[in-house]
Amino acid sequence: MKPLPKHDLIVTIVKKGWCEKIIKASREAGAEGATIIPGRGTGIHEQKKMLGIPIEPEKEIIFTVCRDSKTDAILEAIVEAGKLEKPASGIAFVLELKKVVGVVHLLKELGIN
């Protein structure tokens, strides 16, 4: 396996219904795709109860793998589209990936077969 350019994983967690806006903005900023996983959770700003039972709001978790050279632009687009600078709107963070496989389109682009 030949080394590929460095990649990052941007993990974004937002309220259900926001993922389409975020994915559209991240694609416009250079992302090539994303994976969406449904989730549940609560934060310090979401302590709602119904009949004394805590409600866990539905979330969407978005995984975006991107070249590290595009990470800042994509993250900025995600923050803007998801309004992540406002309380209770969501969270995003970046993890550096040590190895990535399965990005066959990059192999052709880089002339690696």
PDB file of N, CA and C in Angstrom:
ATOM      1  N   MET A   1       0.854  -1.179   0.000  1.00  0.00           N
ATOM      2  CA  MET A   1       0.000   0.000   0.000  1.00  0.00           C
ATOM      3  C   MET A   1       0.898   1.239   0.000  1.00  0.00           C
ATOM      4  N   LYS A   2       0.699   2.071  -0.974  1.00  0.00           N
ATOM      5  CA  LYS A   2       1.487   3.306  -1.063  1.00  0.00           C
ATOM      6  C   LYS A   2       0.843   4.384  -0.197  1.00  0.00           C
ATOM      7  N   PRO A   3       1.662   5.266   0.374  1.00  0.00           N
ATOM      8  CA  PRO A   3       1.098   6.311   1.244  1.00  0.00           C
ATOM      9  C   PRO A   3       0.256   7.313   0.462  1.00  0.00           C
ATOM     10  N   LEU A   4      -0.850   7.692   1.051  1.00  0.00           N
ATOM     11  CA  LEU A   4      -1.732   8.711   0.487  1.00  0.00           C
ATOM     12  C   LEU A   4      -1.504  10.015   1.229  1.00  0.00           C
ATOM     13  N   PRO A   5      -1.955  11.121   0.660  1.00  0.00           N
ATOM     14  CA  PRO A   5      -1.876  12.389   1.394  1.00  0.00           C
ATOM     15  C   PRO A   5      -2.609  12.251   2.729  1.00  0.00           C
ATOM     16  N   LYS A   6      -2.243  13.080   3.690  1.00  0.00           N
ATOM     17  CA  LYS A   6      -2.861  13.016   5.015  1.00  0.00           C
ATOM     18  C   LYS A   6      -4.337  13.398   4.945  1.00  0.00           C
ATOM     19  N   HIS A   7      -5.105  12.740   5.800  1.00  0.00           N
ATOM     20  CA  HIS A   7      -6.547  12.970   5.865  1.00  0.00           C
ATOM     21  C   HIS A   7      -6.961  13.278   7.295  1.00  0.00           C
ATOM     22  N   ASP A   8      -8.088  13.955   7.424  1.00  0.00           N
ATOM     23  CA  ASP A   8      -8.713  14.235   8.709  1.00  0.00           C
ATOM     24  C   ASP A   8     -10.138  13.716   8.677  1.00  0.00           C
ATOM     25  N   LEU A   9     -10.689  13.501   9.853  1.00  0.00           N
ATOM     26  CA  LEU A   9     -12.094  13.158  10.006  1.00  0.00           C
ATOM     27  C   LEU A   9     -12.756  14.295  10.761  1.00  0.00           C
ATOM     28  N   ILE A  10     -13.737  14.914  10.154  1.00  0.00           N
ATOM     29  CA  ILE A  10     -14.525  15.946  10.831  1.00  0.00           C
ATOM     30  C   ILE A  10     -15.798  15.259  11.322  1.00  0.00           C
ATOM     31  N   VAL A  11     -16.014  15.297  12.625  1.00  0.00           N
ATOM     32  CA  VAL A  11     -17.219  14.728  13.229  1.00  0.00           C
ATOM     33  C   VAL A  11     -18.104  15.892  13.644  1.00  0.00           C
ATOM     34  N   THR A  12     -19.327  15.884  13.156  1.00  0.00           N
ATOM     35  CA  THR A  12     -20.281  16.954  13.464  1.00  0.00           C
ATOM     36  C   THR A  12     -21.525  16.317  14.069  1.00  0.00           C
ATOM     37  N   ILE A  13     -21.981  16.850  15.191  1.00  0.00           N
ATOM     38  CA  ILE A  13     -23.189  16.348  15.848  1.00  0.00           C
ATOM     39  C   ILE A  13     -24.161  17.515  15.967  1.00  0.00           C
ATOM     40  N   VAL A  14     -25.322  17.361  15.343  1.00  0.00           N
ATOM     41  CA  VAL A  14     -26.323  18.435  15.323  1.00  0.00           C
ATOM     42  C   VAL A  14     -27.718  17.874  15.560  1.00  0.00           C
ATOM     43  N   LYS A  15     -28.661  18.766  15.793  1.00  0.00           N
ATOM     44  CA  LYS A  15     -30.050  18.367  15.949  1.00  0.00           C
ATOM     45  C   LYS A  15     -30.549  17.742  14.649  1.00  0.00           C
ATOM     46  N   LYS A  16     -31.476  16.806  14.797  1.00  0.00           N
ATOM     47  CA  LYS A  16     -32.054  16.139  13.630  1.00  0.00           C
ATOM     48  C   LYS A  16     -32.664  17.176  12.684  1.00  0.00           C
ATOM     49  N   GLY A  17     -32.376  16.994  11.397  1.00  0.00           N
ATOM     50  CA  GLY A  17     -32.907  17.889  10.384  1.00  0.00           C
ATOM     51  C   GLY A  17     -31.889  18.883   9.841  1.00  0.00           C
ATOM     52  N   TRP A  18     -30.727  18.979  10.469  1.00  0.00           N
ATOM     53  CA  TRP A  18     -29.718  19.947  10.047  1.00  0.00           C
ATOM     54  C   TRP A  18     -28.659  19.366   9.114  1.00  0.00           C
ATOM     55  N   CYS A  19     -28.608  18.063   8.970  1.00  0.00           N
ATOM     56  CA  CYS A  19     -27.488  17.467   8.239  1.00  0.00           C
ATOM     57  C   CYS A  19     -27.442  17.868   6.768  1.00  0.00           C
ATOM     58  N   GLU A  20     -28.567  18.025   6.120  1.00  0.00           N
ATOM     59  CA  GLU A  20     -28.551  18.376   4.694  1.00  0.00           C
ATOM     60  C   GLU A  20     -27.886  19.736   4.456  1.00  0.00           C
ATOM     61  N   LYS A  21     -28.191  20.710   5.301  1.00  0.00           N
ATOM     62  CA  LYS A  21     -27.559  22.037   5.186  1.00  0.00           C
ATOM     63  C   LYS A  21     -26.051  21.931   5.374  1.00  0.00           C
ATOM     64  N   ILE A  22     -25.657  21.135   6.354  1.00  0.00           N
ATOM     65  CA  ILE A  22     -24.239  20.994   6.663  1.00  0.00           C
ATOM     66  C   ILE A  22     -23.498  20.268   5.547  1.00  0.00           C
ATOM     67  N   ILE A  23     -24.086  19.212   5.033  1.00  0.00           N
ATOM     68  CA  ILE A  23     -23.437  18.466   3.942  1.00  0.00           C
ATOM     69  C   ILE A  23     -23.337  19.312   2.691  1.00  0.00           C
ATOM     70  N   LYS A  24     -24.375  20.064   2.384  1.00  0.00           N
ATOM     71  CA  LYS A  24     -24.332  20.948   1.208  1.00  0.00           C
ATOM     72  C   LYS A  24     -23.196  21.958   1.343  1.00  0.00           C
ATOM     73  N   ALA A  25     -23.091  22.580   2.511  1.00  0.00           N
ATOM     74  CA  ALA A  25     -22.043  23.579   2.736  1.00  0.00           C
ATOM     75  C   ALA A  25     -20.650  22.947   2.697  1.00  0.00           C
ATOM     76  N   SER A  26     -20.505  21.760   3.273  1.00  0.00           N
ATOM     77  CA  SER A  26     -19.193  21.112   3.274  1.00  0.00           C
ATOM     78  C   SER A  26     -18.781  20.682   1.871  1.00  0.00           C
ATOM     79  N   ARG A  27     -19.723  20.249   1.045  1.00  0.00           N
ATOM     80  CA  ARG A  27     -19.409  19.904  -0.351  1.00  0.00           C
ATOM     81  C   ARG A  27     -18.957  21.146  -1.121  1.00  0.00           C
ATOM     82  N   GLU A  28     -19.644  22.254  -0.889  1.00  0.00           N
ATOM     83  CA  GLU A  28     -19.264  23.502  -1.565  1.00  0.00           C
ATOM     84  C   GLU A  28     -17.870  23.960  -1.131  1.00  0.00           C
ATOM     85  N   ALA A  29     -17.443  23.561   0.067  1.00  0.00           N
ATOM     86  CA  ALA A  29     -16.128  23.936   0.583  1.00  0.00           C
ATOM     87  C   ALA A  29     -15.041  22.932   0.197  1.00  0.00           C
ATOM     88  N   GLY A  30     -15.418  21.843  -0.494  1.00  0.00           N
ATOM     89  CA  GLY A  30     -14.416  20.898  -0.970  1.00  0.00           C
ATOM     90  C   GLY A  30     -14.538  19.471  -0.482  1.00  0.00           C
ATOM     91  N   ALA A  31     -15.495  19.174   0.386  1.00  0.00           N
ATOM     92  CA  ALA A  31     -15.693  17.790   0.834  1.00  0.00           C
ATOM     93  C   ALA A  31     -16.253  16.968  -0.319  1.00  0.00           C
ATOM     94  N   GLU A  32     -15.901  15.698  -0.334  1.00  0.00           N
ATOM     95  CA  GLU A  32     -16.352  14.832  -1.421  1.00  0.00           C
ATOM     96  C   GLU A  32     -17.533  13.956  -1.024  1.00  0.00           C
ATOM     97  N   GLY A  33     -17.920  13.985   0.230  1.00  0.00           N
ATOM     98  CA  GLY A  33     -19.037  13.176   0.686  1.00  0.00           C
ATOM     99  C   GLY A  33     -19.087  13.155   2.197  1.00  0.00           C
ATOM    100  N   ALA A  34     -20.045  12.401   2.739  1.00  0.00           N
ATOM    101  CA  ALA A  34     -20.202  12.299   4.183  1.00  0.00           C
ATOM    102  C   ALA A  34     -21.027  11.067   4.511  1.00  0.00           C
ATOM    103  N   THR A  35     -20.942  10.647   5.755  1.00  0.00           N
ATOM    104  CA  THR A  35     -21.754   9.556   6.272  1.00  0.00           C
ATOM    105  C   THR A  35     -22.583  10.103   7.421  1.00  0.00           C
ATOM    106  N   ILE A  36     -23.877   9.785   7.406  1.00  0.00           N
ATOM    107  CA  ILE A  36     -24.796  10.288   8.430  1.00  0.00           C
ATOM    108  C   ILE A  36     -25.273   9.121   9.279  1.00  0.00           C
ATOM    109  N   ILE A  37     -25.202   9.294  10.589  1.00  0.00           N
ATOM    110  CA  ILE A  37     -25.655   8.274  11.525  1.00  0.00           C
ATOM    111  C   ILE A  37     -26.642   8.933  12.488  1.00  0.00           C
ATOM    112  N   PRO A  38     -27.816   8.325  12.692  1.00  0.00           N
ATOM    113  CA  PRO A  38     -28.753   8.885  13.667  1.00  0.00           C
ATOM    114  C   PRO A  38     -28.248   8.639  15.084  1.00  0.00           C
ATOM    115  N   GLY A  39     -28.604   9.531  16.003  1.00  0.00           N
ATOM    116  CA  GLY A  39     -28.175   9.381  17.388  1.00  0.00           C
ATOM    117  C   GLY A  39     -29.124  10.068  18.344  1.00  0.00           C
ATOM    118  N   ARG A  40     -28.836   9.906  19.621  1.00  0.00           N
ATOM    119  CA  ARG A  40     -29.584  10.587  20.666  1.00  0.00           C
ATOM    120  C   ARG A  40     -28.583  11.154  21.640  1.00  0.00           C
ATOM    121  N   GLY A  41     -28.983  12.178  22.341  1.00  0.00           N
ATOM    122  CA  GLY A  41     -28.080  12.736  23.332  1.00  0.00           C
ATOM    123  C   GLY A  41     -28.645  13.996  23.938  1.00  0.00           C
ATOM    124  N   THR A  42     -27.894  14.510  24.872  1.00  0.00           N
ATOM    125  CA  THR A  42     -28.307  15.737  25.522  1.00  0.00           C
ATOM    126  C   THR A  42     -27.072  16.514  25.948  1.00  0.00           C
ATOM    127  N   GLY A  43     -27.223  17.800  26.045  1.00  0.00           N
ATOM    128  CA  GLY A  43     -26.148  18.665  26.497  1.00  0.00           C
ATOM    129  C   GLY A  43     -26.649  19.531  27.633  1.00  0.00           C
ATOM    130  N   ILE A  44     -25.796  20.427  28.087  1.00  0.00           N
ATOM    131  CA  ILE A  44     -26.181  21.256  29.231  1.00  0.00           C
ATOM    132  C   ILE A  44     -27.332  22.202  28.900  1.00  0.00           C
ATOM    133  N   HIS A  45     -27.537  22.487  27.614  1.00  0.00           N
ATOM    134  CA  HIS A  45     -28.607  23.394  27.219  1.00  0.00           C
ATOM    135  C   HIS A  45     -29.905  22.656  26.895  1.00  0.00           C
ATOM    136  N   GLU A  46     -29.903  21.335  26.982  1.00  0.00           N
ATOM    137  CA  GLU A  46     -31.078  20.558  26.593  1.00  0.00           C
ATOM    138  C   GLU A  46     -31.523  19.657  27.739  1.00  0.00           C
ATOM    139  N   GLN A  47     -32.100  20.242  28.761  1.00  0.00           N
ATOM    140  CA  GLN A  47     -32.525  19.498  29.942  1.00  0.00           C
ATOM    141  C   GLN A  47     -34.053  19.497  30.031  1.00  0.00           C
ATOM    142  N   LYS A  48     -34.734  19.172  28.931  1.00  0.00           N
ATOM    143  CA  LYS A  48     -36.191  19.189  28.903  1.00  0.00           C
ATOM    144  C   LYS A  48     -36.745  17.892  29.468  1.00  0.00           C
ATOM    145  N   LYS A  49     -37.927  18.011  30.092  1.00  0.00           N
ATOM    146  CA  LYS A  49     -38.593  16.840  30.658  1.00  0.00           C
ATOM    147  C   LYS A  49     -40.062  16.853  30.255  1.00  0.00           C
ATOM    148  N   MET A  50     -40.618  15.654  30.140  1.00  0.00           N
ATOM    149  CA  MET A  50     -42.047  15.514  29.893  1.00  0.00           C
ATOM    150  C   MET A  50     -42.573  14.547  30.951  1.00  0.00           C
ATOM    151  N   LEU A  51     -43.510  14.997  31.777  1.00  0.00           N
ATOM    152  CA  LEU A  51     -44.054  14.210  32.877  1.00  0.00           C
ATOM    153  C   LEU A  51     -42.947  13.705  33.806  1.00  0.00           C
ATOM    154  N   GLY A  52     -41.923  14.548  33.994  1.00  0.00           N
ATOM    155  CA  GLY A  52     -40.824  14.204  34.876  1.00  0.00           C
ATOM    156  C   GLY A  52     -39.770  13.284  34.275  1.00  0.00           C
ATOM    157  N   ILE A  53     -39.959  12.892  33.008  1.00  0.00           N
ATOM    158  CA  ILE A  53     -39.010  11.991  32.344  1.00  0.00           C
ATOM    159  C   ILE A  53     -38.124  12.820  31.423  1.00  0.00           C
ATOM    160  N   PRO A  54     -36.803  12.693  31.571  1.00  0.00           N
ATOM    161  CA  PRO A  54     -35.909  13.458  30.683  1.00  0.00           C
ATOM    162  C   PRO A  54     -36.095  13.058  29.216  1.00  0.00           C
ATOM    163  N   ILE A  55     -36.091  14.049  28.344  1.00  0.00           N
ATOM    164  CA  ILE A  55     -36.215  13.813  26.903  1.00  0.00           C
ATOM    165  C   ILE A  55     -34.820  13.890  26.300  1.00  0.00           C
ATOM    166  N   GLU A  56     -34.453  12.876  25.540  1.00  0.00           N
ATOM    167  CA  GLU A  56     -33.169  12.871  24.837  1.00  0.00           C
ATOM    168  C   GLU A  56     -33.418  13.252  23.391  1.00  0.00           C
ATOM    169  N   PRO A  57     -33.034  14.454  23.011  1.00  0.00           N
ATOM    170  CA  PRO A  57     -33.289  14.909  21.647  1.00  0.00           C
ATOM    171  C   PRO A  57     -32.571  14.054  20.605  1.00  0.00           C
ATOM    172  N   GLU A  58     -33.224  13.901  19.450  1.00  0.00           N
ATOM    173  CA  GLU A  58     -32.616  13.161  18.344  1.00  0.00           C
ATOM    174  C   GLU A  58     -31.514  13.998  17.704  1.00  0.00           C
ATOM    175  N   LYS A  59     -30.455  13.337  17.328  1.00  0.00           N
ATOM    176  CA  LYS A  59     -29.286  13.988  16.740  1.00  0.00           C
ATOM    177  C   LYS A  59     -28.942  13.332  15.416  1.00  0.00           C
ATOM    178  N   GLU A  60     -28.115  14.011  14.648  1.00  0.00           N
ATOM    179  CA  GLU A  60     -27.509  13.437  13.455  1.00  0.00           C
ATOM    180  C   GLU A  60     -26.003  13.605  13.604  1.00  0.00           C
ATOM    181  N   ILE A  61     -25.280  12.519  13.377  1.00  0.00           N
ATOM    182  CA  ILE A  61     -23.828  12.527  13.465  1.00  0.00           C
ATOM    183  C   ILE A  61     -23.302  12.415  12.047  1.00  0.00           C
ATOM    184  N   ILE A  62     -22.476  13.359  11.666  1.00  0.00           N
ATOM    185  CA  ILE A  62     -21.972  13.421  10.298  1.00  0.00           C
ATOM    186  C   ILE A  62     -20.468  13.196  10.316  1.00  0.00           C
ATOM    187  N   PHE A  63     -20.019  12.176   9.596  1.00  0.00           N
ATOM    188  CA  PHE A  63     -18.592  11.895   9.441  1.00  0.00           C
ATOM    189  C   PHE A  63     -18.160  12.386   8.070  1.00  0.00           C
ATOM    190  N   THR A  64     -17.154  13.237   8.031  1.00  0.00           N
ATOM    191  CA  THR A  64     -16.618  13.753   6.779  1.00  0.00           C
ATOM    192  C   THR A  64     -15.114  13.498   6.755  1.00  0.00           C
ATOM    193  N   VAL A  65     -14.671  12.624   5.854  1.00  0.00           N
ATOM    194  CA  VAL A  65     -13.242  12.370   5.675  1.00  0.00           C
ATOM    195  C   VAL A  65     -12.761  13.294   4.562  1.00  0.00           C
ATOM    196  N   CYS A  66     -11.682  14.021   4.833  1.00  0.00           N
ATOM    197  CA  CYS A  66     -11.186  14.966   3.826  1.00  0.00           C
ATOM    198  C   CYS A  66      -9.664  15.070   3.894  1.00  0.00           C
ATOM    199  N   ARG A  67      -9.088  15.537   2.816  1.00  0.00           N
ATOM    200  CA  ARG A  67      -7.651  15.803   2.801  1.00  0.00           C
ATOM    201  C   ARG A  67      -7.374  16.897   3.825  1.00  0.00           C
ATOM    202  N   ASP A  68      -6.260  16.808   4.522  1.00  0.00           N
ATOM    203  CA  ASP A  68      -5.976  17.787   5.581  1.00  0.00           C
ATOM    204  C   ASP A  68      -5.836  19.207   5.048  1.00  0.00           C
ATOM    205  N   SER A  69      -5.515  19.338   3.777  1.00  0.00           N
ATOM    206  CA  SER A  69      -5.399  20.673   3.183  1.00  0.00           C
ATOM    207  C   SER A  69      -6.752  21.359   3.022  1.00  0.00           C
ATOM    208  N   LYS A  70      -7.851  20.585   3.103  1.00  0.00           N
ATOM    209  CA  LYS A  70      -9.200  21.142   2.946  1.00  0.00           C
ATOM    210  C   LYS A  70      -9.949  21.250   4.273  1.00  0.00           C
ATOM    211  N   THR A  71      -9.364  20.731   5.334  1.00  0.00           N
ATOM    212  CA  THR A  71     -10.065  20.643   6.621  1.00  0.00           C
ATOM    213  C   THR A  71     -10.565  21.991   7.130  1.00  0.00           C
ATOM    214  N   ASP A  72      -9.699  22.996   7.145  1.00  0.00           N
ATOM    215  CA  ASP A  72     -10.098  24.295   7.717  1.00  0.00           C
ATOM    216  C   ASP A  72     -11.270  24.913   6.969  1.00  0.00           C
ATOM    217  N   ALA A  73     -11.234  24.872   5.643  1.00  0.00           N
ATOM    218  CA  ALA A  73     -12.319  25.454   4.843  1.00  0.00           C
ATOM    219  C   ALA A  73     -13.627  24.701   5.071  1.00  0.00           C
ATOM    220  N   ILE A  74     -13.546  23.378   5.126  1.00  0.00           N
ATOM    221  CA  ILE A  74     -14.753  22.571   5.328  1.00  0.00           C
ATOM    222  C   ILE A  74     -15.308  22.794   6.725  1.00  0.00           C
ATOM    223  N   LEU A  75     -14.447  22.806   7.737  1.00  0.00           N
ATOM    224  CA  LEU A  75     -14.909  23.039   9.107  1.00  0.00           C
ATOM    225  C   LEU A  75     -15.564  24.412   9.244  1.00  0.00           C
ATOM    226  N   GLU A  76     -14.980  25.409   8.624  1.00  0.00           N
ATOM    227  CA  GLU A  76     -15.562  26.759   8.663  1.00  0.00           C
ATOM    228  C   GLU A  76     -16.954  26.759   8.034  1.00  0.00           C
ATOM    229  N   ALA A  77     -17.122  26.060   6.919  1.00  0.00           N
ATOM    230  CA  ALA A  77     -18.431  25.972   6.252  1.00  0.00           C
ATOM    231  C   ALA A  77     -19.440  25.250   7.143  1.00  0.00           C
ATOM    232  N   ILE A  78     -18.990  24.204   7.841  1.00  0.00           N
ATOM    233  CA  ILE A  78     -19.875  23.462   8.741  1.00  0.00           C
ATOM    234  C   ILE A  78     -20.333  24.352   9.898  1.00  0.00           C
ATOM    235  N   VAL A  79     -19.406  25.088  10.486  1.00  0.00           N
ATOM    236  CA  VAL A  79     -19.739  25.984  11.600  1.00  0.00           C
ATOM    237  C   VAL A  79     -20.777  27.018  11.161  1.00  0.00           C
ATOM    238  N   GLU A  80     -20.578  27.589   9.987  1.00  0.00           N
ATOM    239  CA  GLU A  80     -21.508  28.607   9.486  1.00  0.00           C
ATOM    240  C   GLU A  80     -22.876  28.006   9.168  1.00  0.00           C
ATOM    241  N   ALA A  81     -22.904  26.890   8.438  1.00  0.00           N
ATOM    242  CA  ALA A  81     -24.176  26.284   8.034  1.00  0.00           C
ATOM    243  C   ALA A  81     -24.964  25.756   9.223  1.00  0.00           C
ATOM    244  N   GLY A  82     -24.253  25.210  10.216  1.00  0.00           N
ATOM    245  CA  GLY A  82     -24.923  24.649  11.383  1.00  0.00           C
ATOM    246  C   GLY A  82     -25.125  25.628  12.514  1.00  0.00           C
ATOM    247  N   LYS A  83     -24.680  26.866  12.309  1.00  0.00           N
ATOM    248  CA  LYS A  83     -24.784  27.903  13.346  1.00  0.00           C
ATOM    249  C   LYS A  83     -24.183  27.390  14.665  1.00  0.00           C
ATOM    250  N   LEU A  84     -23.026  26.747  14.564  1.00  0.00           N
ATOM    251  CA  LEU A  84     -22.420  26.098  15.724  1.00  0.00           C
ATOM    252  C   LEU A  84     -21.843  27.067  16.742  1.00  0.00           C
ATOM    253  N   GLU A  85     -21.800  28.345  16.441  1.00  0.00           N
ATOM    254  CA  GLU A  85     -21.321  29.307  17.424  1.00  0.00           C
ATOM    255  C   GLU A  85     -22.426  29.738  18.380  1.00  0.00           C
ATOM    256  N   LYS A  86     -23.661  29.257  18.155  1.00  0.00           N
ATOM    257  CA  LYS A  86     -24.780  29.550  19.052  1.00  0.00           C
ATOM    258  C   LYS A  86     -24.951  28.384  20.028  1.00  0.00           C
ATOM    259  N   PRO A  87     -25.345  28.668  21.276  1.00  0.00           N
ATOM    260  CA  PRO A  87     -25.561  27.592  22.249  1.00  0.00           C
ATOM    261  C   PRO A  87     -26.611  26.591  21.773  1.00  0.00           C
ATOM    262  N   ALA A  88     -26.399  25.329  22.108  1.00  0.00           N
ATOM    263  CA  ALA A  88     -27.337  24.236  21.835  1.00  0.00           C
ATOM    264  C   ALA A  88     -27.544  23.956  20.353  1.00  0.00           C
ATOM    265  N   SER A  89     -26.615  24.377  19.502  1.00  0.00           N
ATOM    266  CA  SER A  89     -26.789  24.118  18.069  1.00  0.00           C
ATOM    267  C   SER A  89     -26.016  22.892  17.602  1.00  0.00           C
ATOM    268  N   GLY A  90     -25.008  22.477  18.339  1.00  0.00           N
ATOM    269  CA  GLY A  90     -24.253  21.291  17.957  1.00  0.00           C
ATOM    270  C   GLY A  90     -22.780  21.449  18.267  1.00  0.00           C
ATOM    271  N   ILE A  91     -22.008  20.484  17.790  1.00  0.00           N
ATOM    272  CA  ILE A  91     -20.575  20.459  18.030  1.00  0.00           C
ATOM    273  C   ILE A  91     -19.891  19.842  16.816  1.00  0.00           C
ATOM    274  N   ALA A  92     -18.670  20.259  16.571  1.00  0.00           N
ATOM    275  CA  ALA A  92     -17.854  19.642  15.522  1.00  0.00           C
ATOM    276  C   ALA A  92     -16.425  19.568  16.039  1.00  0.00           C
ATOM    277  N   PHE A  93     -15.732  18.499  15.664  1.00  0.00           N
ATOM    278  CA  PHE A  93     -14.332  18.369  16.028  1.00  0.00           C
ATOM    279  C   PHE A  93     -13.603  17.583  14.948  1.00  0.00           C
ATOM    280  N   VAL A  94     -12.278  17.704  14.955  1.00  0.00           N
ATOM    281  CA  VAL A  94     -11.451  17.104  13.908  1.00  0.00           C
ATOM    282  C   VAL A  94     -10.496  16.094  14.527  1.00  0.00           C
ATOM    283  N   LEU A  95     -10.408  14.940  13.885  1.00  0.00           N
ATOM    284  CA  LEU A  95      -9.464  13.905  14.285  1.00  0.00           C
ATOM    285  C   LEU A  95      -8.511  13.645  13.121  1.00  0.00           C
ATOM    286  N   GLU A  96      -7.225  13.573  13.421  1.00  0.00           N
ATOM    287  CA  GLU A  96      -6.238  13.253  12.387  1.00  0.00           C
ATOM    288  C   GLU A  96      -6.276  11.751  12.135  1.00  0.00           C
ATOM    289  N   LEU A  97      -6.331  11.366  10.877  1.00  0.00           N
ATOM    290  CA  LEU A  97      -6.357   9.953  10.520  1.00  0.00           C
ATOM    291  C   LEU A  97      -4.956   9.479  10.166  1.00  0.00           C
ATOM    292  N   LYS A  98      -4.552   8.363  10.740  1.00  0.00           N
ATOM    293  CA  LYS A  98      -3.218   7.842  10.471  1.00  0.00           C
ATOM    294  C   LYS A  98      -3.161   7.135   9.117  1.00  0.00           C
ATOM    295  N   LYS A  99      -4.192   6.355   8.804  1.00  0.00           N
ATOM    296  CA  LYS A  99      -4.230   5.613   7.546  1.00  0.00           C
ATOM    297  C   LYS A  99      -5.655   5.633   7.006  1.00  0.00           C
ATOM    298  N   VAL A 100      -5.770   5.711   5.696  1.00  0.00           N
ATOM    299  CA  VAL A 100      -7.073   5.705   5.044  1.00  0.00           C
ATOM    300  C   VAL A 100      -7.001   4.750   3.861  1.00  0.00           C
ATOM    301  N   VAL A 101      -7.989   3.878   3.747  1.00  0.00           N
ATOM    302  CA  VAL A 101      -8.105   3.008   2.586  1.00  0.00           C
ATOM    303  C   VAL A 101      -9.522   3.132   2.047  1.00  0.00           C
ATOM    304  N   GLY A 102      -9.704   2.721   0.817  1.00  0.00           N
ATOM    305  CA  GLY A 102     -11.042   2.762   0.237  1.00  0.00           C
ATOM    306  C   GLY A 102     -11.350   4.036  -0.527  1.00  0.00           C
ATOM    307  N   VAL A 103     -10.399   4.926  -0.651  1.00  0.00           N
ATOM    308  CA  VAL A 103     -10.602   6.154  -1.422  1.00  0.00           C
ATOM    309  C   VAL A 103      -9.972   5.953  -2.813  1.00  0.00           C
ATOM    310  N   VAL A 104     -10.547   5.021  -3.542  1.00  0.00           N
ATOM    311  CA  VAL A 104      -9.999   4.591  -4.824  1.00  0.00           C
ATOM    312  C   VAL A 104      -9.899   5.752  -5.812  1.00  0.00           C
ATOM    313  N   HIS A 105     -10.853   6.671  -5.768  1.00  0.00           N
ATOM    314  CA  HIS A 105     -10.805   7.816  -6.687  1.00  0.00           C
ATOM    315  C   HIS A 105      -9.546   8.651  -6.474  1.00  0.00           C
ATOM    316  N   LEU A 106      -9.042   8.703  -5.240  1.00  0.00           N
ATOM    317  CA  LEU A 106      -7.803   9.440  -4.979  1.00  0.00           C
ATOM    318  C   LEU A 106      -6.599   8.735  -5.584  1.00  0.00           C
ATOM    319  N   LEU A 107      -6.610   7.423  -5.567  1.00  0.00           N
ATOM    320  CA  LEU A 107      -5.498   6.670  -6.140  1.00  0.00           C
ATOM    321  C   LEU A 107      -5.340   6.994  -7.623  1.00  0.00           C
ATOM    322  N   LYS A 108      -6.446   7.032  -8.339  1.00  0.00           N
ATOM    323  CA  LYS A 108      -6.390   7.367  -9.772  1.00  0.00           C
ATOM    324  C   LYS A 108      -5.959   8.800  -9.968  1.00  0.00           C
ATOM    325  N   GLU A 109      -6.470   9.691  -9.130  1.00  0.00           N
ATOM    326  CA  GLU A 109      -6.135  11.112  -9.214  1.00  0.00           C
ATOM    327  C   GLU A 109      -4.639  11.350  -9.002  1.00  0.00           C
ATOM    328  N   LEU A 110      -4.035  10.569  -8.095  1.00  0.00           N
ATOM    329  CA  LEU A 110      -2.623  10.715  -7.772  1.00  0.00           C
ATOM    330  C   LEU A 110      -1.722   9.832  -8.633  1.00  0.00           C
ATOM    331  N   GLY A 111      -2.324   9.042  -9.535  1.00  0.00           N
ATOM    332  CA  GLY A 111      -1.541   8.160 -10.396  1.00  0.00           C
ATOM    333  C   GLY A 111      -0.999   6.943  -9.701  1.00  0.00           C
ATOM    334  N   ILE A 112      -1.663   6.528  -8.606  1.00  0.00           N
ATOM    335  CA  ILE A 112      -1.252   5.349  -7.854  1.00  0.00           C
ATOM    336  C   ILE A 112      -2.260   4.241  -8.169  1.00  0.00           C
ATOM    337  N   ASN A 113      -1.807   3.143  -8.703  1.00  0.00           N
ATOM    338  CA  ASN A 113      -2.715   2.012  -8.997  1.00  0.00           C
ATOM    339  C   ASN A 113      -2.250   0.746  -8.354  1.00  0.00           C
TER     340      ASN A 113
END
